[in-house]
Protein backbone atom coordinates (compact mmCIF):
# COMPACT_ATOMS: atom_id res chain seq x y z
CA MET A 1 190.48 8.64 -56.69
CA LYS A 2 187.66 9.21 -58.81
CA PRO A 3 185.72 6.28 -59.96
CA ARG A 4 185.77 5.45 -63.74
CA PHE A 5 181.99 5.42 -63.76
CA HIS A 6 180.25 7.76 -61.47
CA TYR A 7 176.90 6.75 -59.85
CA GLY A 8 175.65 10.20 -60.90
CA TRP A 9 174.97 8.67 -64.50
CA LEU A 10 172.62 6.22 -63.08
CA ILE A 11 170.69 9.18 -61.37
CA VAL A 12 170.50 10.78 -64.78
CA PHE A 13 169.30 7.47 -66.42
CA ALA A 14 166.76 6.99 -63.68
CA GLY A 15 165.62 10.70 -64.61
CA MET A 16 165.23 10.01 -68.07
CA LEU A 17 162.80 6.99 -67.10
CA CYS A 18 160.87 9.60 -64.71
CA ILE A 19 160.53 11.92 -67.58
CA PHE A 20 159.62 9.02 -70.07
CA SER A 21 156.80 8.22 -67.68
CA CYS A 22 155.70 11.43 -66.15
CA LEU A 23 155.77 13.58 -69.27
CA GLY A 24 156.20 11.37 -72.21
CA LEU A 25 153.48 8.79 -71.44
CA ALA A 26 151.39 10.98 -69.15
CA ARG A 27 151.30 14.19 -71.28
CA PHE A 28 152.66 13.83 -74.76
CA ALA A 29 151.03 10.51 -75.64
CA PHE A 30 147.67 12.36 -75.12
CA GLY A 31 148.23 14.16 -78.44
CA MET A 32 148.31 10.89 -80.25
CA LEU A 33 145.32 9.40 -78.21
CA LEU A 34 143.07 12.40 -78.62
CA PRO A 35 141.59 11.75 -81.90
CA SER A 36 140.16 8.41 -81.09
CA MET A 37 139.61 9.33 -77.40
CA SER A 38 137.39 12.54 -78.55
CA SER A 39 135.58 10.46 -81.24
CA ALA A 40 134.56 7.98 -78.65
CA LEU A 41 133.47 10.48 -76.03
CA LYS A 42 132.08 13.02 -78.50
CA LEU A 43 134.43 15.86 -77.33
CA THR A 44 134.26 19.36 -79.03
CA TYR A 45 137.37 21.37 -79.79
CA SER A 46 136.88 23.36 -76.48
CA GLU A 47 136.60 20.20 -74.30
CA MET A 48 139.70 18.66 -75.89
CA GLY A 49 141.47 21.84 -75.01
CA PHE A 50 139.87 21.73 -71.27
CA LEU A 51 141.07 18.08 -70.89
CA SER A 52 144.78 19.17 -71.53
CA THR A 53 144.29 22.34 -69.43
CA GLY A 54 142.92 20.03 -66.44
CA ASN A 55 146.09 18.17 -66.62
CA PHE A 56 148.29 21.14 -66.25
CA PHE A 57 146.10 22.49 -63.75
CA GLY A 58 146.81 19.46 -61.75
CA TYR A 59 150.62 19.90 -62.53
CA LEU A 60 150.27 23.46 -61.39
CA ILE A 61 149.00 22.36 -58.13
CA SER A 62 151.49 19.72 -57.74
CA VAL A 63 154.41 22.25 -58.55
CA ILE A 64 153.31 24.44 -55.59
CA ALA A 65 153.27 21.52 -53.26
CA SER A 66 155.97 19.46 -54.53
CA GLY A 67 158.89 21.28 -52.97
CA TYR A 68 157.25 21.14 -49.30
CA VAL A 69 156.50 17.38 -49.81
CA SER A 70 160.03 16.61 -51.11
CA ALA A 71 161.70 18.32 -48.29
CA ARG A 72 159.79 16.18 -45.73
CA LEU A 73 159.57 12.81 -47.62
CA GLY A 74 162.88 13.06 -49.57
CA ALA A 75 163.14 13.26 -53.55
CA ARG A 76 163.44 9.68 -53.96
CA ARG A 77 160.15 8.70 -52.02
CA THR A 78 158.09 11.77 -53.42
CA ILE A 79 159.03 10.50 -57.04
CA VAL A 80 158.20 7.09 -56.64
CA TYR A 81 154.80 7.82 -54.90
CA ALA A 82 153.99 10.32 -57.75
CA LEU A 83 154.72 7.78 -60.48
CA LEU A 84 152.51 5.37 -58.55
CA LEU A 85 149.75 8.07 -58.63
CA ILE A 86 150.19 8.59 -62.47
CA GLY A 87 149.92 4.75 -63.26
CA SER A 88 146.88 4.49 -61.17
CA SER A 89 145.23 7.56 -62.68
CA MET A 90 145.56 6.32 -66.18
CA LEU A 91 143.66 3.31 -65.32
CA PHE A 92 140.81 5.69 -64.40
CA ILE A 93 141.17 7.47 -67.87
CA ALA A 94 141.01 4.10 -69.52
CA SER A 95 137.61 3.33 -67.74
CA SER A 96 136.08 6.83 -68.18
CA SER A 97 132.98 7.20 -70.22
CA SER A 98 132.35 11.04 -70.09
CA PHE A 99 134.19 14.24 -70.46
CA ALA A 100 133.82 15.06 -66.73
CA ALA A 101 135.30 11.60 -65.60
CA SER A 102 138.18 12.00 -67.90
CA LEU A 103 138.78 15.55 -66.87
CA VAL A 104 139.05 14.49 -63.17
CA ALA A 105 141.28 11.43 -63.87
CA TYR A 106 143.75 13.43 -66.25
CA THR A 107 143.91 16.21 -63.57
CA ILE A 108 145.23 13.76 -61.12
CA THR A 109 147.50 12.61 -63.77
CA GLY A 110 148.95 16.17 -63.89
CA ILE A 111 149.34 16.35 -60.15
CA GLY A 112 151.55 13.13 -60.28
CA SER A 113 153.64 14.62 -63.28
CA GLY A 114 154.55 17.72 -61.38
CA ALA A 115 155.45 15.76 -58.31
CA VAL A 116 158.02 13.64 -60.36
CA ASN A 117 159.49 16.38 -62.49
CA VAL A 118 160.27 19.25 -60.06
CA PRO A 119 162.02 17.03 -57.43
CA MET A 120 163.90 15.24 -60.24
CA VAL A 121 165.37 18.67 -61.56
CA GLY A 122 166.53 19.42 -58.12
CA LEU A 123 168.07 16.03 -57.67
CA ILE A 124 169.98 16.45 -60.76
CA SER A 125 171.44 19.76 -59.41
CA THR A 126 172.45 17.80 -56.14
CA TRP A 127 174.11 15.05 -58.04
CA VAL A 128 175.58 16.90 -61.01
CA ALA A 129 178.11 20.04 -60.87
CA LYS A 130 177.76 22.92 -63.12
CA LYS A 131 180.16 21.99 -65.84
CA LYS A 132 177.98 18.98 -66.67
CA ARG A 133 174.70 20.07 -65.65
CA GLY A 134 173.36 21.22 -69.07
CA ILE A 135 174.11 17.85 -70.69
CA ALA A 136 172.96 15.90 -67.77
CA HIS A 137 169.54 17.57 -67.85
CA GLY A 138 169.49 17.21 -71.57
CA PHE A 139 170.02 13.44 -71.34
CA VAL A 140 166.98 13.33 -68.73
CA VAL A 141 164.46 15.08 -70.78
CA ILE A 142 165.03 12.77 -73.94
CA GLY A 143 162.73 10.41 -72.16
CA SER A 144 159.99 12.31 -73.68
CA GLY A 145 161.35 11.56 -77.07
CA PHE A 146 161.34 7.98 -76.52
CA ALA A 147 157.80 8.08 -75.24
CA ILE A 148 156.45 9.91 -78.23
CA MET A 149 158.27 7.42 -80.42
CA LEU A 150 156.49 4.72 -78.71
CA SER A 151 153.01 6.29 -78.71
CA GLY A 152 153.41 7.21 -82.37
CA ARG A 153 153.73 3.44 -83.10
CA VAL A 154 151.66 1.92 -80.31
CA VAL A 155 148.46 3.85 -80.43
CA PRO A 156 147.64 3.42 -84.15
CA TYR A 157 148.44 -0.44 -83.66
CA MET A 158 146.04 -0.69 -80.80
CA ASN A 159 143.43 1.24 -82.57
CA ASN A 160 143.71 -1.11 -85.64
CA ALA A 161 143.98 -4.26 -83.37
CA VAL A 162 141.10 -3.36 -80.76
CA GLY A 163 139.08 -0.99 -82.93
CA ASP A 164 137.00 1.74 -81.20
CA GLU A 165 138.33 0.74 -77.81
CA GLY A 166 141.90 1.01 -78.77
CA TRP A 167 142.41 4.18 -76.93
CA ARG A 168 141.31 2.42 -73.57
CA ALA A 169 143.94 -0.53 -74.33
CA SER A 170 146.54 2.13 -74.90
CA TRP A 171 145.88 3.99 -71.60
CA ILE A 172 146.05 0.54 -69.76
CA LEU A 173 149.42 -0.30 -71.51
CA LEU A 174 150.89 3.15 -70.44
CA SER A 175 149.62 2.63 -67.01
CA VAL A 176 151.34 -0.84 -66.59
CA THR A 177 154.61 0.52 -68.08
CA THR A 178 154.50 3.50 -65.60
CA LEU A 179 153.93 1.35 -62.64
CA PHE A 180 156.73 -1.03 -63.71
CA LEU A 181 159.15 1.87 -64.05
CA SER A 182 158.27 3.10 -60.65
CA LEU A 183 159.91 0.10 -59.28
CA VAL A 184 162.98 0.47 -61.47
CA VAL A 185 163.46 4.08 -60.24
CA LEU A 186 162.92 3.18 -56.70
CA ALA A 187 165.95 0.78 -57.03
CA ILE A 188 168.24 3.35 -58.64
CA LEU A 189 167.64 6.73 -57.08
CA ARG A 190 169.30 8.05 -54.00
CA ASN A 191 168.78 11.60 -52.35
CA SER A 192 172.53 12.62 -52.30
CA PRO A 193 175.90 11.73 -53.57
CA LYS A 194 176.82 11.42 -49.83
CA ASP A 195 174.44 8.40 -49.81
CA LYS A 196 177.03 6.52 -52.00
CA GLY A 197 180.08 8.14 -50.45
CA LEU A 198 180.61 10.43 -53.64
CA ILE A 199 180.92 13.94 -54.49
CA PRO A 200 178.88 15.41 -57.18
CA LEU A 201 179.50 14.33 -60.90
CA GLY A 202 181.97 16.77 -62.48
CA TYR A 203 182.72 18.58 -59.36
CA GLU A 204 185.98 20.56 -59.07
CA PRO A 205 186.82 22.02 -55.66
CA ASP A 206 188.87 24.93 -56.98
CA SER A 207 186.12 25.93 -59.45
CA SER A 208 184.91 29.23 -58.75
CA SER A 209 181.62 28.61 -60.97
CA GLU A 210 180.54 26.26 -58.24
CA GLN A 211 180.25 28.97 -55.84
CA VAL A 212 177.62 30.98 -57.90
CA GLY A 213 174.38 31.13 -55.84
CA ILE A 214 176.01 29.43 -52.79
CA LYS A 215 176.97 32.84 -51.23
CA ASP A 216 173.27 33.93 -51.39
CA LEU A 217 171.69 31.03 -49.50
CA LYS A 218 170.36 33.31 -46.81
CA VAL A 219 168.86 35.67 -49.56
CA SER A 220 165.27 34.51 -50.72
CA ILE A 221 165.03 33.47 -54.29
CA TYR A 222 161.89 35.64 -54.60
CA LEU A 223 164.10 38.70 -53.96
CA LYS A 224 166.23 38.08 -57.14
CA PRO A 225 164.70 39.82 -60.21
CA VAL A 226 166.33 36.95 -62.45
CA ILE A 227 163.80 34.44 -61.27
CA TYR A 228 160.94 36.52 -62.76
CA HIS A 229 162.75 37.00 -65.74
CA LEU A 230 163.47 33.19 -66.28
CA GLY A 231 159.69 32.76 -65.16
CA VAL A 232 158.35 34.75 -68.03
CA ILE A 233 160.44 33.02 -70.49
CA TYR A 234 159.45 29.59 -69.23
CA PHE A 235 155.64 30.84 -69.38
CA LEU A 236 155.99 31.54 -72.93
CA PHE A 237 157.48 28.16 -73.72
CA GLY A 238 154.77 26.43 -71.60
CA PHE A 239 152.02 28.36 -73.52
CA THR A 240 153.29 27.57 -76.91
CA TYR A 241 154.75 23.98 -77.11
CA VAL A 242 151.69 22.63 -75.38
CA VAL A 243 149.45 23.84 -78.05
CA TYR A 244 151.59 22.01 -80.79
CA VAL A 245 151.83 18.90 -78.80
CA THR A 246 148.17 18.79 -78.05
CA PHE A 247 146.73 19.76 -81.22
CA ILE A 248 149.12 18.96 -84.07
CA VAL A 249 147.95 15.41 -84.72
CA THR A 250 144.30 16.29 -84.52
CA SER A 251 144.99 18.95 -86.88
CA LEU A 252 146.46 16.65 -89.31
CA VAL A 253 143.74 14.17 -89.07
CA ARG A 254 140.84 16.47 -88.97
CA GLU A 255 142.03 19.49 -91.18
CA ARG A 256 144.60 17.95 -93.52
CA GLY A 257 142.96 14.53 -94.07
CA PHE A 258 145.98 12.54 -92.89
CA SER A 259 145.12 8.96 -91.73
CA GLU A 260 145.79 8.16 -88.00
CA SER A 261 148.74 5.90 -88.95
CA VAL A 262 150.32 8.70 -91.14
CA ALA A 263 149.83 11.16 -88.39
CA GLY A 264 151.47 8.62 -86.06
CA GLU A 265 154.47 8.77 -88.25
CA PHE A 266 154.70 12.58 -87.93
CA TRP A 267 154.39 11.94 -84.31
CA ALA A 268 157.03 9.53 -84.08
CA TRP A 269 159.37 11.76 -86.15
CA ILE A 270 158.83 14.42 -83.35
CA GLY A 271 160.11 11.91 -80.78
CA PHE A 272 163.14 10.81 -82.72
CA CYS A 273 164.23 14.40 -83.42
CA GLY A 274 163.59 15.08 -79.86
CA LEU A 275 166.16 12.45 -78.76
CA PHE A 276 168.86 14.99 -79.67
CA SER A 277 167.26 18.00 -78.46
CA GLY A 278 168.09 17.80 -74.75
CA PRO A 279 171.60 16.64 -74.97
CA VAL A 280 172.71 18.72 -77.99
CA PHE A 281 171.01 22.11 -76.74
CA GLY A 282 171.85 21.33 -73.11
CA ARG A 283 175.44 21.07 -74.28
CA ILE A 284 175.36 23.95 -76.48
CA SER A 285 174.10 26.08 -73.40
CA ASP A 286 176.96 24.70 -71.36
CA TRP A 287 179.30 26.16 -74.11
CA LEU A 288 177.63 29.41 -75.18
CA GLY A 289 175.70 30.17 -71.98
CA ARG A 290 171.88 29.70 -71.12
CA LYS A 291 171.08 33.03 -72.96
CA TRP A 292 172.11 31.88 -76.39
CA GLY A 293 170.89 28.35 -75.81
CA LEU A 294 167.36 29.85 -75.21
CA ILE A 295 167.42 32.32 -78.14
CA ILE A 296 168.72 29.65 -80.67
CA VAL A 297 165.78 27.17 -79.57
CA PHE A 298 163.14 29.77 -79.71
CA MET A 299 164.23 30.91 -83.03
CA LEU A 300 163.77 27.31 -84.26
CA GLN A 301 160.37 26.90 -82.57
CA THR A 302 158.97 30.08 -84.22
CA PHE A 303 159.77 28.71 -87.71
CA SER A 304 158.21 25.40 -86.86
CA TYR A 305 154.91 27.09 -85.58
CA LEU A 306 154.55 29.41 -88.68
CA LEU A 307 155.04 26.36 -91.04
CA ALA A 308 152.26 24.47 -89.03
CA ALA A 309 149.92 27.51 -89.37
CA SER A 310 150.65 28.31 -92.86
CA GLY A 311 148.61 25.44 -94.66
CA LEU A 312 151.51 24.66 -97.01
CA PRO A 313 152.05 21.32 -98.63
CA GLY A 314 153.17 18.11 -96.76
CA ILE A 315 156.75 18.65 -97.11
CA TYR A 316 156.61 21.84 -94.97
CA LEU A 317 154.75 20.00 -92.18
CA TYR A 318 157.66 17.60 -92.15
CA LEU A 319 159.77 20.47 -91.73
CA SER A 320 157.82 21.86 -89.14
CA VAL A 321 158.02 18.65 -87.23
CA ALA A 322 161.51 18.23 -87.65
CA LEU A 323 162.29 21.77 -86.26
CA PHE A 324 159.98 21.27 -83.44
CA GLY A 325 161.31 17.87 -82.51
CA ILE A 326 165.08 18.97 -82.81
CA VAL A 327 164.52 21.59 -79.92
CA ALA A 328 161.30 19.97 -78.22
CA TRP A 329 162.85 19.12 -74.78
CA SER A 330 165.72 21.55 -74.91
CA ILE A 331 164.14 24.36 -73.08
CA PRO A 332 163.26 22.33 -69.77
CA SER A 333 166.86 21.01 -69.71
CA ILE A 334 168.20 24.52 -70.10
CA MET A 335 165.81 25.97 -67.39
CA GLY A 336 166.78 23.11 -65.10
CA ALA A 337 170.68 23.84 -65.59
CA ALA A 338 169.88 27.66 -65.05
CA ALA A 339 168.15 27.14 -61.79
CA GLY A 340 171.40 25.42 -60.52
CA ASP A 341 173.53 27.96 -62.05
CA TYR A 342 171.76 31.04 -60.68
CA PHE A 343 170.72 29.91 -57.45
CA GLY A 344 173.13 26.97 -56.44
CA ALA A 345 172.29 23.55 -55.95
CA ALA A 346 170.80 24.04 -52.45
CA GLN A 347 168.20 26.37 -53.96
CA ALA A 348 167.84 24.61 -57.31
CA THR A 349 164.55 22.87 -56.30
CA ALA A 350 162.89 25.78 -54.86
CA ALA A 351 163.87 28.14 -57.83
CA PHE A 352 162.97 25.61 -60.57
CA GLY A 353 159.70 24.90 -58.73
CA PHE A 354 158.68 28.54 -58.56
CA VAL A 355 159.80 29.14 -62.45
CA THR A 356 157.80 25.74 -63.20
CA PHE A 357 154.96 27.25 -61.41
CA ILE A 358 154.92 30.13 -63.90
CA PHE A 359 155.33 27.80 -66.71
CA GLY A 360 152.58 25.77 -65.64
CA LEU A 361 150.24 29.02 -65.83
CA GLY A 362 151.22 28.93 -69.54
CA GLN A 363 150.55 25.35 -69.94
CA VAL A 364 147.06 25.72 -68.25
CA SER A 365 146.18 28.56 -70.68
CA GLY A 366 147.58 27.59 -73.88
CA PRO A 367 145.29 24.69 -74.77
CA ALA A 368 142.21 26.42 -73.61
CA VAL A 369 142.87 29.54 -75.52
CA ALA A 370 144.10 27.65 -78.70
CA GLY A 371 140.84 25.41 -78.36
CA ALA A 372 138.57 28.38 -78.17
CA LEU A 373 140.44 29.89 -81.07
CA ALA A 374 139.83 26.72 -83.05
CA GLU A 375 136.14 26.68 -82.16
CA MET A 376 135.64 30.21 -83.34
CA THR A 377 137.64 29.93 -86.47
CA GLY A 378 137.22 26.41 -87.47
CA SER A 379 140.78 25.78 -87.68
CA PHE A 380 143.97 25.39 -85.47
CA SER A 381 145.86 27.67 -87.63
CA SER A 382 145.21 30.65 -85.55
CA GLY A 383 146.43 29.08 -82.52
CA PHE A 384 149.79 28.03 -84.24
CA TYR A 385 150.10 31.63 -85.38
CA LEU A 386 149.75 32.84 -81.76
CA THR A 387 152.44 30.71 -80.65
CA ALA A 388 154.99 31.81 -83.15
CA ALA A 389 154.25 35.43 -81.84
CA CYS A 390 154.89 34.30 -78.38
CA THR A 391 158.08 32.46 -78.99
CA ALA A 392 159.34 35.56 -80.96
CA LEU A 393 158.72 37.71 -77.85
CA ALA A 394 160.53 35.11 -75.89
CA ILE A 395 163.66 35.50 -78.04
CA VAL A 396 163.55 39.27 -77.26
CA LEU A 397 163.29 38.45 -73.41
CA ALA A 398 166.06 35.90 -73.57
CA SER A 399 168.38 38.27 -75.19
CA PHE A 400 168.30 40.47 -72.04
CA LEU A 401 169.47 37.52 -69.65
CA LYS A 402 172.77 38.27 -67.71
CA ARG A 403 175.30 35.64 -66.95
CA PRO A 404 175.14 34.45 -63.22
CA GLN A 405 178.45 35.95 -62.47
CA ASP A 406 177.39 39.39 -63.82
CA LEU A 407 174.56 39.69 -61.51
CA GLU A 408 174.82 42.01 -58.42
CA ARG A 409 174.96 39.90 -55.39
């Protein structure tokens, strides 16, 4: 008899806490901290971009190694150790007094982030069957939305309360929060449903859809063209979204003349709208397929980036923020589900790790390119226009995706 409440939902909740910490606090709060941090450390536009790039470079290194580490330590231990690394590195950022020191510390933060995110995606595919995989990943990624809402409120408050050193107090608070949540995650996570005497959430033994990818376990994922197709699409997402989350607040403060508190309101709205992005579009991708889920999301992102670049009045910035927030974390949830769909639960971690590596290349290059463009043009608009062109290309590429059952095997 199936239990009324499946432990898999607790795994999903723990996953949400992981994303709240490893991406929401460790990465997306950075955009809110950047204006005051850059003023205190006297950072140029290019240095701001390279700080973000350093974080993503660390993430990229971690993605390469996390599958190997997770296979030997287990996903649970790998994730908890990585959360401890993130929390510790945040303390080093809080104490940094130069660009170089901040770059080293934030690169280490990126290493921890990758070592949490990739094993967590594989764990969800292990605990959740295909029919519920999209919405499960959707609930996991809303952790980023909660973190953005928190940073949009807390960072301006800290800056007002503490003054010029408020950004350091904010990093310390983020560190303590992450270290505490690592203990909560340790208590909840388990490596497999078998550890609790369960079958995966939503599993139906007679469902042929569960067999997609399983027949191919002896076939290397790198011999399947779809992994490169997904990787290029994910690269374009990585390149584009990170430009927006890194520079939108700085753009509002430095170029539009908004106060930090008002910019924080914009940032908090991104977080609030983002609460719905993962579950809604994850569910849409369950219904319509991953291809149409991706197409719809990239269309909305394209409009968001064009509005941010346009220089139109404030109401259009609210629309840009709303459109970005509504779909903000949906691509990772769809990609996580797609990894399980195309390659099966047993290969999901390896497949997602590889496409995340390609995604990471986009993250590494995005801030550096946008920062250099801003340095040359004196504005972030050129970077936002570039991101709109890239998401338009992603729409075209996504339209050529085939369903898992239609692929030759």
